[in-house]
């Protein structure tokens, strides 16, 4: 029984030669270099990057600003004996008035 030459370079009857090993290594090297040349620094063009990872990268690149709420200073005592309390201005008018009345009623507790 005689074996025919395997031109597809796979399957039964194929033995890897030294020349084939070198050719395969060069093909892999070219493929890796082509992948590295097309790869961006931020990885957006890489289709293998998971969507969750891309979202995390975008969130990390955002600038974080401190939250500063405008406040109004209210004096609960007299001008001589000041006891000031800071109330946020985001509270609407009637709610702020109720809060100030509550603070004035219980000035000994809050002040």
PDB file of N, CA and C in Angstrom:
ATOM      1  N   UNK A   1       0.846  -1.177   0.000  1.00  0.00           N
ATOM      2  CA  UNK A   1       0.000   0.000   0.000  1.00  0.00           C
ATOM      3  C   UNK A   1       0.889   1.237   0.000  1.00  0.00           C
ATOM      4  N   UNK A   2       0.548   2.156  -0.814  1.00  0.00           N
ATOM      5  CA  UNK A   2       1.346   3.362  -0.973  1.00  0.00           C
ATOM      6  C   UNK A   2       0.511   4.576  -0.577  1.00  0.00           C
ATOM      7  N   UNK A   3       1.129   5.518   0.187  1.00  0.00           N
ATOM      8  CA  UNK A   3       0.432   6.737   0.617  1.00  0.00           C
ATOM      9  C   UNK A   3       0.681   7.850  -0.385  1.00  0.00           C
ATOM     10  N   UNK A   4      -0.373   8.544  -0.711  1.00  0.00           N
ATOM     11  CA  UNK A   4      -0.210   9.682  -1.618  1.00  0.00           C
ATOM     12  C   UNK A   4       0.229  10.907  -0.824  1.00  0.00           C
ATOM     13  N   UNK A   5       0.816  11.858  -1.499  1.00  0.00           N
ATOM     14  CA  UNK A   5       1.301  13.074  -0.838  1.00  0.00           C
ATOM     15  C   UNK A   5       0.111  13.925  -0.398  1.00  0.00           C
ATOM     16  N   UNK A   6       0.189  14.424   0.820  1.00  0.00           N
ATOM     17  CA  UNK A   6      -0.875  15.271   1.366  1.00  0.00           C
ATOM     18  C   UNK A   6      -0.514  16.731   1.089  1.00  0.00           C
ATOM     19  N   UNK A   7      -1.137  17.309   0.073  1.00  0.00           N
ATOM     20  CA  UNK A   7      -0.814  18.682  -0.312  1.00  0.00           C
ATOM     21  C   UNK A   7      -1.499  19.709   0.583  1.00  0.00           C
ATOM     22  N   UNK A   8      -2.550  19.289   1.291  1.00  0.00           N
ATOM     23  CA  UNK A   8      -3.257  20.213   2.183  1.00  0.00           C
ATOM     24  C   UNK A   8      -2.512  20.413   3.497  1.00  0.00           C
ATOM     25  N   UNK A   9      -1.513  19.609   3.754  1.00  0.00           N
ATOM     26  CA  UNK A   9      -0.685  19.706   4.945  1.00  0.00           C
ATOM     27  C   UNK A   9      -1.461  19.460   6.228  1.00  0.00           C
ATOM     28  N   UNK A  10      -2.369  18.503   6.200  1.00  0.00           N
ATOM     29  CA  UNK A  10      -3.091  18.132   7.404  1.00  0.00           C
ATOM     30  C   UNK A  10      -3.654  16.731   7.238  1.00  0.00           C
ATOM     31  N   UNK A  11      -4.061  16.131   8.346  1.00  0.00           N
ATOM     32  CA  UNK A  11      -4.696  14.822   8.285  1.00  0.00           C
ATOM     33  C   UNK A  11      -3.697  13.679   8.366  1.00  0.00           C
ATOM     34  N   UNK A  12      -4.167  12.482   8.025  1.00  0.00           N
ATOM     35  CA  UNK A  12      -3.337  11.286   8.094  1.00  0.00           C
ATOM     36  C   UNK A  12      -2.237  11.324   7.047  1.00  0.00           C
ATOM     37  N   UNK A  13      -1.102  10.839   7.421  1.00  0.00           N
ATOM     38  CA  UNK A  13      -0.006  10.759   6.471  1.00  0.00           C
ATOM     39  C   UNK A  13       0.835  12.014   6.393  1.00  0.00           C
ATOM     40  N   UNK A  14       0.516  13.031   7.143  1.00  0.00           N
ATOM     41  CA  UNK A  14       1.279  14.283   7.085  1.00  0.00           C
ATOM     42  C   UNK A  14       2.302  14.315   8.202  1.00  0.00           C
ATOM     43  N   UNK A  15       3.533  14.587   7.858  1.00  0.00           N
ATOM     44  CA  UNK A  15       4.602  14.739   8.836  1.00  0.00           C
ATOM     45  C   UNK A  15       5.186  16.134   8.659  1.00  0.00           C
ATOM     46  N   UNK A  16       5.277  16.858   9.772  1.00  0.00           N
ATOM     47  CA  UNK A  16       5.773  18.231   9.731  1.00  0.00           C
ATOM     48  C   UNK A  16       7.278  18.203   9.501  1.00  0.00           C
ATOM     49  N   UNK A  17       7.710  18.942   8.495  1.00  0.00           N
ATOM     50  CA  UNK A  17       9.140  19.049   8.216  1.00  0.00           C
ATOM     51  C   UNK A  17       9.678  20.331   8.817  1.00  0.00           C
ATOM     52  N   UNK A  18      10.983  20.464   8.804  1.00  0.00           N
ATOM     53  CA  UNK A  18      11.630  21.656   9.352  1.00  0.00           C
ATOM     54  C   UNK A  18      11.218  22.904   8.562  1.00  0.00           C
ATOM     55  N   UNK A  19      11.101  22.767   7.267  1.00  0.00           N
ATOM     56  CA  UNK A  19      10.694  23.882   6.402  1.00  0.00           C
ATOM     57  C   UNK A  19       9.266  24.309   6.734  1.00  0.00           C
ATOM     58  N   UNK A  20       8.385  23.328   6.984  1.00  0.00           N
ATOM     59  CA  UNK A  20       7.000  23.640   7.332  1.00  0.00           C
ATOM     60  C   UNK A  20       6.922  24.368   8.674  1.00  0.00           C
ATOM     61  N   UNK A  21       7.745  23.937   9.636  1.00  0.00           N
ATOM     62  CA  UNK A  21       7.758  24.597  10.944  1.00  0.00           C
ATOM     63  C   UNK A  21       8.160  26.062  10.813  1.00  0.00           C
ATOM     64  N   UNK A  22       9.171  26.315   9.994  1.00  0.00           N
ATOM     65  CA  UNK A  22       9.632  27.697   9.783  1.00  0.00           C
ATOM     66  C   UNK A  22       8.548  28.513   9.093  1.00  0.00           C
ATOM     67  N   UNK A  23       7.899  27.922   8.072  1.00  0.00           N
ATOM     68  CA  UNK A  23       6.839  28.628   7.344  1.00  0.00           C
ATOM     69  C   UNK A  23       5.672  28.964   8.272  1.00  0.00           C
ATOM     70  N   UNK A  24       5.271  28.013   9.110  1.00  0.00           N
ATOM     71  CA  UNK A  24       4.160  28.234  10.045  1.00  0.00           C
ATOM     72  C   UNK A  24       4.521  29.316  11.061  1.00  0.00           C
ATOM     73  N   UNK A  25       5.759  29.281  11.565  1.00  0.00           N
ATOM     74  CA  UNK A  25       6.205  30.291  12.529  1.00  0.00           C
ATOM     75  C   UNK A  25       6.193  31.684  11.906  1.00  0.00           C
ATOM     76  N   UNK A  26       6.627  31.800  10.653  1.00  0.00           N
ATOM     77  CA  UNK A  26       6.623  33.099   9.970  1.00  0.00           C
ATOM     78  C   UNK A  26       5.197  33.601   9.740  1.00  0.00           C
ATOM     79  N   UNK A  27       4.281  32.691   9.373  1.00  0.00           N
ATOM     80  CA  UNK A  27       2.884  33.091   9.173  1.00  0.00           C
ATOM     81  C   UNK A  27       2.273  33.609  10.471  1.00  0.00           C
ATOM     82  N   UNK A  28       2.549  32.923  11.581  1.00  0.00           N
ATOM     83  CA  UNK A  28       2.028  33.370  12.873  1.00  0.00           C
ATOM     84  C   UNK A  28       2.612  34.721  13.264  1.00  0.00           C
ATOM     85  N   UNK A  29       3.909  34.897  12.998  1.00  0.00           N
ATOM     86  CA  UNK A  29       4.565  36.160  13.335  1.00  0.00           C
ATOM     87  C   UNK A  29       3.962  37.311  12.535  1.00  0.00           C
ATOM     88  N   UNK A  30       3.743  37.099  11.236  1.00  0.00           N
ATOM     89  CA  UNK A  30       3.137  38.132  10.397  1.00  0.00           C
ATOM     90  C   UNK A  30       1.729  38.475  10.877  1.00  0.00           C
ATOM     91  N   UNK A  31       0.988  37.462  11.274  1.00  0.00           N
ATOM     92  CA  UNK A  31      -0.378  37.676  11.755  1.00  0.00           C
ATOM     93  C   UNK A  31      -0.377  38.505  13.047  1.00  0.00           C
ATOM     94  N   UNK A  32       0.548  38.185  13.973  1.00  0.00           N
ATOM     95  CA  UNK A  32       0.636  38.949  15.224  1.00  0.00           C
ATOM     96  C   UNK A  32       1.062  40.389  14.970  1.00  0.00           C
ATOM     97  N   UNK A  33       2.021  40.597  14.085  1.00  0.00           N
ATOM     98  CA  UNK A  33       2.470  41.954  13.768  1.00  0.00           C
ATOM     99  C   UNK A  33       1.352  42.764  13.120  1.00  0.00           C
ATOM    100  N   UNK A  34       0.597  42.143  12.234  1.00  0.00           N
ATOM    101  CA  UNK A  34      -0.524  42.839  11.599  1.00  0.00           C
ATOM    102  C   UNK A  34      -1.562  43.228  12.639  1.00  0.00           C
ATOM    103  N   UNK A  35      -1.797  42.356  13.608  1.00  0.00           N
ATOM    104  CA  UNK A  35      -2.761  42.655  14.675  1.00  0.00           C
ATOM    105  C   UNK A  35      -2.262  43.817  15.536  1.00  0.00           C
ATOM    106  N   UNK A  36      -0.964  43.824  15.850  1.00  0.00           N
ATOM    107  CA  UNK A  36      -0.407  44.900  16.675  1.00  0.00           C
ATOM    108  C   UNK A  36      -0.423  46.242  15.950  1.00  0.00           C
ATOM    109  N   UNK A  37      -0.196  46.242  14.644  1.00  0.00           N
ATOM    110  CA  UNK A  37      -0.202  47.485  13.881  1.00  0.00           C
ATOM    111  C   UNK A  37      -1.595  48.096  13.810  1.00  0.00           C
ATOM    112  N   UNK A  38      -2.624  47.283  13.778  1.00  0.00           N
ATOM    113  CA  UNK A  38      -3.997  47.770  13.687  1.00  0.00           C
ATOM    114  C   UNK A  38      -4.614  48.062  15.040  1.00  0.00           C
ATOM    115  N   UNK A  39      -3.915  47.798  16.110  1.00  0.00           N
ATOM    116  CA  UNK A  39      -4.452  47.960  17.466  1.00  0.00           C
ATOM    117  C   UNK A  39      -4.252  49.395  17.945  1.00  0.00           C
ATOM    118  N   UNK A  40      -5.352  50.073  18.377  1.00  0.00           N
ATOM    119  CA  UNK A  40      -5.268  51.414  18.944  1.00  0.00           C
ATOM    120  C   UNK A  40      -4.860  51.327  20.401  1.00  0.00           C
ATOM    121  N   UNK A  41      -4.361  52.454  20.933  1.00  0.00           N
ATOM    122  CA  UNK A  41      -3.949  52.488  22.331  1.00  0.00           C
ATOM    123  C   UNK A  41      -5.132  52.321  23.269  1.00  0.00           C
ATOM    124  N   UNK A  42      -6.287  52.879  22.920  1.00  0.00           N
ATOM    125  CA  UNK A  42      -7.446  52.776  23.803  1.00  0.00           C
ATOM    126  C   UNK A  42      -8.227  51.481  23.582  1.00  0.00           C
ATOM    127  N   UNK A  43      -7.898  50.719  22.563  1.00  0.00           N
ATOM    128  CA  UNK A  43      -8.506  49.410  22.362  1.00  0.00           C
ATOM    129  C   UNK A  43      -9.909  49.442  21.781  1.00  0.00           C
ATOM    130  N   UNK A  44     -10.354  50.577  21.238  1.00  0.00           N
ATOM    131  CA  UNK A  44     -11.718  50.669  20.730  1.00  0.00           C
ATOM    132  C   UNK A  44     -11.922  49.852  19.459  1.00  0.00           C
ATOM    133  N   UNK A  45     -10.870  49.687  18.656  1.00  0.00           N
ATOM    134  CA  UNK A  45     -11.015  48.948  17.415  1.00  0.00           C
ATOM    135  C   UNK A  45     -10.895  47.445  17.618  1.00  0.00           C
ATOM    136  N   UNK A  46     -10.536  47.015  18.812  1.00  0.00           N
ATOM    137  CA  UNK A  46     -10.378  45.594  19.083  1.00  0.00           C
ATOM    138  C   UNK A  46     -11.757  44.965  19.285  1.00  0.00           C
ATOM    139  N   UNK A  47     -12.189  44.089  18.389  1.00  0.00           N
ATOM    140  CA  UNK A  47     -13.529  43.499  18.532  1.00  0.00           C
ATOM    141  C   UNK A  47     -13.627  42.532  19.707  1.00  0.00           C
ATOM    142  N   UNK A  48     -12.498  42.102  20.252  1.00  0.00           N
ATOM    143  CA  UNK A  48     -12.518  41.152  21.356  1.00  0.00           C
ATOM    144  C   UNK A  48     -12.722  41.830  22.704  1.00  0.00           C
ATOM    145  N   UNK A  49     -12.638  43.167  22.755  1.00  0.00           N
ATOM    146  CA  UNK A  49     -12.824  43.884  24.009  1.00  0.00           C
ATOM    147  C   UNK A  49     -14.295  43.832  24.401  1.00  0.00           C
ATOM    148  N   UNK A  50     -14.610  43.328  25.598  1.00  0.00           N
ATOM    149  CA  UNK A  50     -16.008  43.248  26.031  1.00  0.00           C
ATOM    150  C   UNK A  50     -16.638  44.633  26.184  1.00  0.00           C
ATOM    151  N   UNK A  51     -17.938  44.691  25.970  1.00  0.00           N
ATOM    152  CA  UNK A  51     -18.665  45.958  26.043  1.00  0.00           C
ATOM    153  C   UNK A  51     -18.580  46.536  27.446  1.00  0.00           C
ATOM    154  N   UNK A  52     -18.673  45.687  28.477  1.00  0.00           N
ATOM    155  CA  UNK A  52     -18.604  46.173  29.856  1.00  0.00           C
ATOM    156  C   UNK A  52     -17.267  46.843  30.133  1.00  0.00           C
ATOM    157  N   UNK A  53     -16.189  46.281  29.591  1.00  0.00           N
ATOM    158  CA  UNK A  53     -14.869  46.864  29.792  1.00  0.00           C
ATOM    159  C   UNK A  53     -14.770  48.220  29.111  1.00  0.00           C
ATOM    160  N   UNK A  54     -15.352  48.354  27.927  1.00  0.00           N
ATOM    161  CA  UNK A  54     -15.343  49.651  27.231  1.00  0.00           C
ATOM    162  C   UNK A  54     -16.083  50.709  28.042  1.00  0.00           C
ATOM    163  N   UNK A  55     -17.236  50.321  28.641  1.00  0.00           N
ATOM    164  CA  UNK A  55     -18.004  51.263  29.457  1.00  0.00           C
ATOM    165  C   UNK A  55     -17.209  51.695  30.677  1.00  0.00           C
ATOM    166  N   UNK A  56     -16.507  50.753  31.303  1.00  0.00           N
ATOM    167  CA  UNK A  56     -15.695  51.088  32.471  1.00  0.00           C
ATOM    168  C   UNK A  56     -14.564  52.042  32.106  1.00  0.00           C
ATOM    169  N   UNK A  57     -13.971  51.847  30.942  1.00  0.00           N
ATOM    170  CA  UNK A  57     -12.900  52.738  30.499  1.00  0.00           C
ATOM    171  C   UNK A  57     -13.445  54.138  30.266  1.00  0.00           C
ATOM    172  N   UNK A  58     -14.638  54.262  29.668  1.00  0.00           N
ATOM    173  CA  UNK A  58     -15.241  55.574  29.448  1.00  0.00           C
ATOM    174  C   UNK A  58     -15.567  56.258  30.763  1.00  0.00           C
ATOM    175  N   UNK A  59     -16.099  55.492  31.741  1.00  0.00           N
ATOM    176  CA  UNK A  59     -16.428  56.070  33.043  1.00  0.00           C
ATOM    177  C   UNK A  59     -15.176  56.545  33.759  1.00  0.00           C
ATOM    178  N   UNK A  60     -14.104  55.802  33.636  1.00  0.00           N
ATOM    179  CA  UNK A  60     -12.871  56.165  34.316  1.00  0.00           C
ATOM    180  C   UNK A  60     -12.269  57.434  33.728  1.00  0.00           C
ATOM    181  N   UNK A  61     -12.480  57.667  32.440  1.00  0.00           N
ATOM    182  CA  UNK A  61     -11.887  58.829  31.795  1.00  0.00           C
ATOM    183  C   UNK A  61     -12.664  60.120  32.069  1.00  0.00           C
ATOM    184  N   UNK A  62     -13.862  60.008  32.619  1.00  0.00           N
ATOM    185  CA  UNK A  62     -14.643  61.205  32.929  1.00  0.00           C
ATOM    186  C   UNK A  62     -14.023  61.970  34.092  1.00  0.00           C
ATOM    187  N   UNK A  63     -14.172  63.283  34.071  1.00  0.00           N
ATOM    188  CA  UNK A  63     -13.662  64.125  35.152  1.00  0.00           C
ATOM    189  C   UNK A  63     -14.721  64.203  36.241  1.00  0.00           C
ATOM    190  N   UNK A  64     -14.288  64.008  37.473  1.00  0.00           N
ATOM    191  CA  UNK A  64     -15.205  64.036  38.604  1.00  0.00           C
ATOM    192  C   UNK A  64     -15.181  65.437  39.211  1.00  0.00           C
ATOM    193  N   UNK A  65     -16.357  66.036  39.322  1.00  0.00           N
ATOM    194  CA  UNK A  65     -16.485  67.361  39.913  1.00  0.00           C
ATOM    195  C   UNK A  65     -17.107  67.232  41.294  1.00  0.00           C
ATOM    196  N   UNK A  66     -16.630  68.050  42.206  1.00  0.00           N
ATOM    197  CA  UNK A  66     -17.195  68.048  43.546  1.00  0.00           C
ATOM    198  C   UNK A  66     -18.576  68.688  43.522  1.00  0.00           C
ATOM    199  N   UNK A  67     -19.471  68.144  44.326  1.00  0.00           N
ATOM    200  CA  UNK A  67     -20.819  68.689  44.417  1.00  0.00           C
ATOM    201  C   UNK A  67     -20.821  69.797  45.464  1.00  0.00           C
ATOM    202  N   UNK A  68     -21.127  70.986  45.024  1.00  0.00           N
ATOM    203  CA  UNK A  68     -21.193  72.113  45.944  1.00  0.00           C
ATOM    204  C   UNK A  68     -22.606  72.688  45.894  1.00  0.00           C
ATOM    205  N   UNK A  69     -23.317  72.550  46.993  1.00  0.00           N
ATOM    206  CA  UNK A  69     -24.675  73.059  47.075  1.00  0.00           C
ATOM    207  C   UNK A  69     -24.636  74.466  47.659  1.00  0.00           C
ATOM    208  N   UNK A  70     -25.428  75.344  47.084  1.00  0.00           N
ATOM    209  CA  UNK A  70     -25.522  76.690  47.641  1.00  0.00           C
ATOM    210  C   UNK A  70     -26.286  76.618  48.954  1.00  0.00           C
ATOM    211  N   UNK A  71     -25.797  77.369  49.937  1.00  0.00           N
ATOM    212  CA  UNK A  71     -26.421  77.326  51.259  1.00  0.00           C
ATOM    213  C   UNK A  71     -26.800  78.732  51.712  1.00  0.00           C
ATOM    214  N   UNK A  72     -27.754  78.768  52.621  1.00  0.00           N
ATOM    215  CA  UNK A  72     -28.192  80.020  53.223  1.00  0.00           C
ATOM    216  C   UNK A  72     -27.944  79.888  54.723  1.00  0.00           C
ATOM    217  N   UNK A  73     -27.301  80.896  55.319  1.00  0.00           N
ATOM    218  CA  UNK A  73     -26.986  80.867  56.743  1.00  0.00           C
ATOM    219  C   UNK A  73     -28.117  81.545  57.510  1.00  0.00           C
ATOM    220  N   UNK A  74     -28.635  80.824  58.525  1.00  0.00           N
ATOM    221  CA  UNK A  74     -29.746  81.334  59.335  1.00  0.00           C
ATOM    222  C   UNK A  74     -29.276  81.437  60.779  1.00  0.00           C
ATOM    223  N   UNK A  75     -29.494  82.617  61.392  1.00  0.00           N
ATOM    224  CA  UNK A  75     -29.126  82.841  62.790  1.00  0.00           C
ATOM    225  C   UNK A  75     -30.321  82.487  63.670  1.00  0.00           C
ATOM    226  N   UNK A  76     -30.132  81.539  64.610  1.00  0.00           N
ATOM    227  CA  UNK A  76     -31.221  81.103  65.476  1.00  0.00           C
ATOM    228  C   UNK A  76     -31.289  81.900  66.781  1.00  0.00           C
ATOM    229  N   UNK A  77     -30.283  82.666  67.071  1.00  0.00           N
ATOM    230  CA  UNK A  77     -30.260  83.453  68.310  1.00  0.00           C
ATOM    231  C   UNK A  77     -30.222  84.935  67.968  1.00  0.00           C
ATOM    232  N   UNK A  78     -29.845  85.745  68.937  1.00  0.00           N
ATOM    233  CA  UNK A  78     -29.776  87.196  68.729  1.00  0.00           C
ATOM    234  C   UNK A  78     -28.483  87.549  68.007  1.00  0.00           C
ATOM    235  N   UNK A  79     -28.372  88.835  67.674  1.00  0.00           N
ATOM    236  CA  UNK A  79     -27.177  89.309  66.982  1.00  0.00           C
ATOM    237  C   UNK A  79     -25.942  89.222  67.878  1.00  0.00           C
ATOM    238  N   UNK A  80     -26.138  89.410  69.193  1.00  0.00           N
ATOM    239  CA  UNK A  80     -25.003  89.356  70.119  1.00  0.00           C
ATOM    240  C   UNK A  80     -24.530  87.914  70.313  1.00  0.00           C
ATOM    241  N   UNK A  81     -25.458  87.015  70.553  1.00  0.00           N
ATOM    242  CA  UNK A  81     -25.117  85.599  70.751  1.00  0.00           C
ATOM    243  C   UNK A  81     -25.558  84.835  69.509  1.00  0.00           C
ATOM    244  N   UNK A  82     -24.703  84.826  68.535  1.00  0.00           N
ATOM    245  CA  UNK A  82     -25.061  84.201  67.259  1.00  0.00           C
ATOM    246  C   UNK A  82     -24.952  82.685  67.340  1.00  0.00           C
ATOM    247  N   UNK A  83     -25.916  82.019  66.763  1.00  0.00           N
ATOM    248  CA  UNK A  83     -25.859  80.580  66.529  1.00  0.00           C
ATOM    249  C   UNK A  83     -26.401  80.356  65.121  1.00  0.00           C
ATOM    250  N   UNK A  84     -25.468  80.173  64.196  1.00  0.00           N
ATOM    251  CA  UNK A  84     -25.845  80.081  62.789  1.00  0.00           C
ATOM    252  C   UNK A  84     -25.959  78.625  62.350  1.00  0.00           C
ATOM    253  N   UNK A  85     -26.961  78.389  61.530  1.00  0.00           N
ATOM    254  CA  UNK A  85     -27.183  77.068  60.934  1.00  0.00           C
ATOM    255  C   UNK A  85     -27.270  77.259  59.424  1.00  0.00           C
ATOM    256  N   UNK A  86     -26.675  76.331  58.701  1.00  0.00           N
ATOM    257  CA  UNK A  86     -26.663  76.408  57.237  1.00  0.00           C
ATOM    258  C   UNK A  86     -27.772  75.521  56.679  1.00  0.00           C
ATOM    259  N   UNK A  87     -28.576  76.112  55.789  1.00  0.00           N
ATOM    260  CA  UNK A  87     -29.686  75.396  55.156  1.00  0.00           C
ATOM    261  C   UNK A  87     -29.471  75.463  53.647  1.00  0.00           C
ATOM    262  N   UNK A  88     -29.626  74.319  52.976  1.00  0.00           N
ATOM    263  CA  UNK A  88     -29.447  74.275  51.531  1.00  0.00           C
ATOM    264  C   UNK A  88     -30.528  75.047  50.801  1.00  0.00           C
ATOM    265  N   UNK A  89     -30.158  75.677  49.698  1.00  0.00           N
ATOM    266  CA  UNK A  89     -31.118  76.469  48.928  1.00  0.00           C
ATOM    267  C   UNK A  89     -31.928  75.613  47.960  1.00  0.00           C
ATOM    268  N   UNK A  90     -31.604  74.343  47.857  1.00  0.00           N
ATOM    269  CA  UNK A  90     -32.389  73.485  46.959  1.00  0.00           C
ATOM    270  C   UNK A  90     -33.742  73.139  47.560  1.00  0.00           C
ATOM    271  N   UNK A  91     -33.896  73.370  48.863  1.00  0.00           N
ATOM    272  CA  UNK A  91     -35.196  73.160  49.501  1.00  0.00           C
ATOM    273  C   UNK A  91     -36.115  74.288  49.050  1.00  0.00           C
ATOM    274  N   UNK A  92     -37.300  73.935  48.592  1.00  0.00           N
ATOM    275  CA  UNK A  92     -38.248  74.936  48.091  1.00  0.00           C
ATOM    276  C   UNK A  92     -38.724  75.847  49.216  1.00  0.00           C
ATOM    277  N   UNK A  93     -39.300  76.987  48.866  1.00  0.00           N
ATOM    278  CA  UNK A  93     -39.692  78.046  49.801  1.00  0.00           C
ATOM    279  C   UNK A  93     -40.491  77.605  51.007  1.00  0.00           C
ATOM    280  N   UNK A  94     -41.613  76.916  50.810  1.00  0.00           N
ATOM    281  CA  UNK A  94     -42.458  76.537  51.942  1.00  0.00           C
ATOM    282  C   UNK A  94     -41.770  75.485  52.812  1.00  0.00           C
ATOM    283  N   UNK A  95     -41.059  74.568  52.205  1.00  0.00           N
ATOM    284  CA  UNK A  95     -40.329  73.553  52.965  1.00  0.00           C
ATOM    285  C   UNK A  95     -39.223  74.171  53.800  1.00  0.00           C
ATOM    286  N   UNK A  96     -38.535  75.159  53.218  1.00  0.00           N
ATOM    287  CA  UNK A  96     -37.471  75.853  53.949  1.00  0.00           C
ATOM    288  C   UNK A  96     -38.054  76.636  55.117  1.00  0.00           C
ATOM    289  N   UNK A  97     -39.211  77.293  54.903  1.00  0.00           N
ATOM    290  CA  UNK A  97     -39.856  78.056  55.981  1.00  0.00           C
ATOM    291  C   UNK A  97     -40.264  77.138  57.129  1.00  0.00           C
ATOM    292  N   UNK A  98     -40.818  75.973  56.816  1.00  0.00           N
ATOM    293  CA  UNK A  98     -41.198  75.015  57.860  1.00  0.00           C
ATOM    294  C   UNK A  98     -39.974  74.542  58.638  1.00  0.00           C
ATOM    295  N   UNK A  99     -38.885  74.304  57.936  1.00  0.00           N
ATOM    296  CA  UNK A  99     -37.655  73.859  58.588  1.00  0.00           C
ATOM    297  C   UNK A  99     -37.105  74.938  59.511  1.00  0.00           C
ATOM    298  N   UNK A 100     -37.129  76.188  59.064  1.00  0.00           N
ATOM    299  CA  UNK A 100     -36.634  77.296  59.896  1.00  0.00           C
ATOM    300  C   UNK A 100     -37.505  77.446  61.133  1.00  0.00           C
ATOM    301  N   UNK A 101     -38.837  77.339  60.986  1.00  0.00           N
ATOM    302  CA  UNK A 101     -39.731  77.424  62.153  1.00  0.00           C
ATOM    303  C   UNK A 101     -39.454  76.297  63.150  1.00  0.00           C
ATOM    304  N   UNK A 102     -39.229  75.095  62.638  1.00  0.00           N
ATOM    305  CA  UNK A 102     -38.913  73.959  63.501  1.00  0.00           C
ATOM    306  C   UNK A 102     -37.604  74.196  64.254  1.00  0.00           C
ATOM    307  N   UNK A 103     -36.615  74.705  63.551  1.00  0.00           N
ATOM    308  CA  UNK A 103     -35.329  74.982  64.196  1.00  0.00           C
ATOM    309  C   UNK A 103     -35.461  76.075  65.251  1.00  0.00           C
ATOM    310  N   UNK A 104     -36.278  77.097  64.981  1.00  0.00           N
ATOM    311  CA  UNK A 104     -36.477  78.177  65.954  1.00  0.00           C
ATOM    312  C   UNK A 104     -37.259  77.689  67.170  1.00  0.00           C
ATOM    313  N   UNK A 105     -38.228  76.780  66.963  1.00  0.00           N
ATOM    314  CA  UNK A 105     -38.999  76.245  68.088  1.00  0.00           C
ATOM    315  C   UNK A 105     -38.113  75.414  69.021  1.00  0.00           C
ATOM    316  N   UNK A 106     -37.197  74.680  68.463  1.00  0.00           N
ATOM    317  CA  UNK A 106     -36.320  73.815  69.256  1.00  0.00           C
ATOM    318  C   UNK A 106     -34.878  74.327  69.215  1.00  0.00           C
ATOM    319  N   UNK A 107     -34.720  75.617  69.421  1.00  0.00           N
ATOM    320  CA  UNK A 107     -33.412  76.254  69.332  1.00  0.00           C
ATOM    321  C   UNK A 107     -32.431  75.684  70.353  1.00  0.00           C
ATOM    322  N   UNK A 108     -32.918  75.264  71.523  1.00  0.00           N
ATOM    323  CA  UNK A 108     -32.027  74.711  72.550  1.00  0.00           C
ATOM    324  C   UNK A 108     -31.449  73.360  72.120  1.00  0.00           C
ATOM    325  N   UNK A 109     -32.184  72.624  71.331  1.00  0.00           N
ATOM    326  CA  UNK A 109     -31.721  71.302  70.897  1.00  0.00           C
ATOM    327  C   UNK A 109     -30.774  71.417  69.707  1.00  0.00           C
ATOM    328  N   UNK A 110     -31.150  72.223  68.716  1.00  0.00           N
ATOM    329  CA  UNK A 110     -30.373  72.308  67.485  1.00  0.00           C
ATOM    330  C   UNK A 110     -29.206  73.281  67.569  1.00  0.00           C
ATOM    331  N   UNK A 111     -29.299  74.276  68.431  1.00  0.00           N
ATOM    332  CA  UNK A 111     -28.266  75.308  68.473  1.00  0.00           C
ATOM    333  C   UNK A 111     -27.165  75.030  69.449  1.00  0.00           C
TER     334      UNK A 111
END
